[in-house]
Amino acid sequence: MPTGPEGEKRPAGVIGNAVTVIRIATGEEREDHGVAPAKNKTAQELGRAGGRKCAESMTPERRAEIAKKAAAKRWKNLEWRLSALTAKSTETIIAEGQTSA
């Protein structure tokens, strides 16, 4: 029997898989993902400390450069979202701005 990404047993056939999905959706069967893998606390602490150490060893100019690059990425994302507005929404915004002035 095939296993899912978490090692859980899954039906091999398409029909069997569909039946399992329906049973999970209707609450007849629980979706079992197994036990979550334990996280290594020492590795977590080292990762946090590594970031701090890296930032401490950088010059203020380099930190500013990285911060500017990150801000530019965030603004690019925002511009993309704003450009997704429809023309009607844009016209509405413009019309509201003109009537309130």
Protein backbone atom coordinates (compact mmCIF):
# COMPACT_ATOMS: atom_id res chain seq x y z
CA MET A 1 0.00 0.00 0.00
CA PRO A 2 1.43 3.43 -0.92
CA THR A 3 2.28 5.93 1.76
CA GLY A 4 1.70 9.67 1.89
CA PRO A 5 4.28 12.37 2.57
CA GLU A 6 4.05 11.82 6.32
CA GLY A 7 4.30 8.03 6.00
CA GLU A 8 0.55 7.40 6.42
CA LYS A 9 -1.07 4.55 4.52
CA ARG A 10 -3.00 5.58 1.40
CA PRO A 11 -5.15 3.54 -1.00
CA ALA A 12 -3.41 2.62 -4.25
CA GLY A 13 -6.35 3.05 -6.62
CA VAL A 14 -8.13 6.19 -7.74
CA ILE A 15 -11.51 4.92 -6.55
CA GLY A 16 -10.12 3.85 -3.18
CA ASN A 17 -8.51 7.26 -2.79
CA ALA A 18 -11.80 9.00 -3.66
CA VAL A 19 -13.65 6.92 -1.07
CA THR A 20 -11.04 7.79 1.57
CA VAL A 21 -11.32 11.51 0.77
CA ILE A 22 -15.12 11.36 1.10
CA ARG A 23 -14.88 9.49 4.41
CA ILE A 24 -12.46 12.10 5.76
CA ALA A 25 -14.65 14.96 4.50
CA THR A 26 -17.81 13.50 6.09
CA GLY A 27 -16.05 12.72 9.36
CA GLU A 28 -16.38 8.93 9.12
CA GLU A 29 -12.61 8.58 9.14
CA ARG A 30 -9.87 10.71 10.68
CA GLU A 31 -6.93 11.79 8.61
CA ASP A 32 -3.88 10.43 10.41
CA HIS A 33 -0.60 12.20 9.75
CA GLY A 34 1.29 10.23 12.35
CA VAL A 35 3.59 11.67 14.98
CA ALA A 36 5.36 14.93 14.15
CA PRO A 37 9.13 14.54 14.06
CA ALA A 38 10.91 15.86 17.13
CA LYS A 39 12.79 19.11 16.65
CA ASN A 40 16.35 19.38 17.78
CA LYS A 41 16.37 22.18 20.38
CA THR A 42 20.12 22.62 20.16
CA ALA A 43 19.95 23.16 16.41
CA GLN A 44 17.16 25.71 16.87
CA GLU A 45 19.23 27.68 19.38
CA LEU A 46 22.30 27.58 17.14
CA GLY A 47 20.24 28.84 14.22
CA ARG A 48 18.96 31.81 16.22
CA ALA A 49 22.41 32.60 17.57
CA GLY A 50 23.89 32.32 14.09
CA GLY A 51 21.59 35.04 12.77
CA ARG A 52 22.51 37.35 15.62
CA LYS A 53 26.22 36.67 15.22
CA CYS A 54 26.01 37.31 11.49
CA ALA A 55 24.23 40.64 12.04
CA GLU A 56 26.76 41.67 14.70
CA SER A 57 29.70 40.97 12.40
CA MET A 58 28.26 43.06 9.53
CA THR A 59 29.02 46.70 9.01
CA PRO A 60 26.11 49.12 9.42
CA GLU A 61 26.33 49.87 5.70
CA ARG A 62 25.90 46.18 4.80
CA ARG A 63 22.92 45.82 7.17
CA ALA A 64 21.34 48.92 5.60
CA GLU A 65 21.93 47.48 2.13
CA ILE A 66 20.19 44.22 3.07
CA ALA A 67 17.30 46.12 4.70
CA LYS A 68 16.83 48.28 1.59
CA LYS A 69 16.80 45.21 -0.63
CA ALA A 70 14.16 43.55 1.59
CA ALA A 71 12.03 46.71 1.61
CA ALA A 72 12.22 46.92 -2.18
CA LYS A 73 10.98 43.33 -2.43
CA ARG A 74 8.07 44.08 -0.08
CA TRP A 75 7.10 47.18 -2.07
CA LYS A 76 7.34 45.25 -5.33
CA ASN A 77 4.89 42.72 -3.90
CA LEU A 78 2.56 45.52 -2.81
CA GLU A 79 2.70 47.17 -6.24
CA TRP A 80 1.85 43.84 -7.87
CA ARG A 81 -1.18 43.43 -5.60
CA LEU A 82 -2.33 46.97 -6.27
CA SER A 83 -1.95 46.51 -10.01
CA ALA A 84 -4.34 43.57 -9.74
CA LEU A 85 -7.21 46.00 -9.08
CA THR A 86 -9.77 46.11 -11.84
CA ALA A 87 -10.25 49.25 -13.92
CA LYS A 88 -13.70 49.67 -12.38
CA SER A 89 -12.25 49.69 -8.86
CA THR A 90 -9.63 52.24 -9.92
CA GLU A 91 -12.30 54.45 -11.50
CA THR A 92 -14.35 54.22 -8.30
CA ILE A 93 -11.38 55.25 -6.19
CA ILE A 94 -10.63 58.19 -8.50
CA ALA A 95 -14.30 59.26 -8.53
CA GLU A 96 -14.50 59.16 -4.73
CA GLY A 97 -11.35 61.27 -4.51
CA GLN A 98 -12.82 63.88 -6.85
CA THR A 99 -16.20 64.09 -5.04
CA SER A 100 -14.64 64.46 -1.60
CA ALA A 101 -12.41 67.38 -2.62
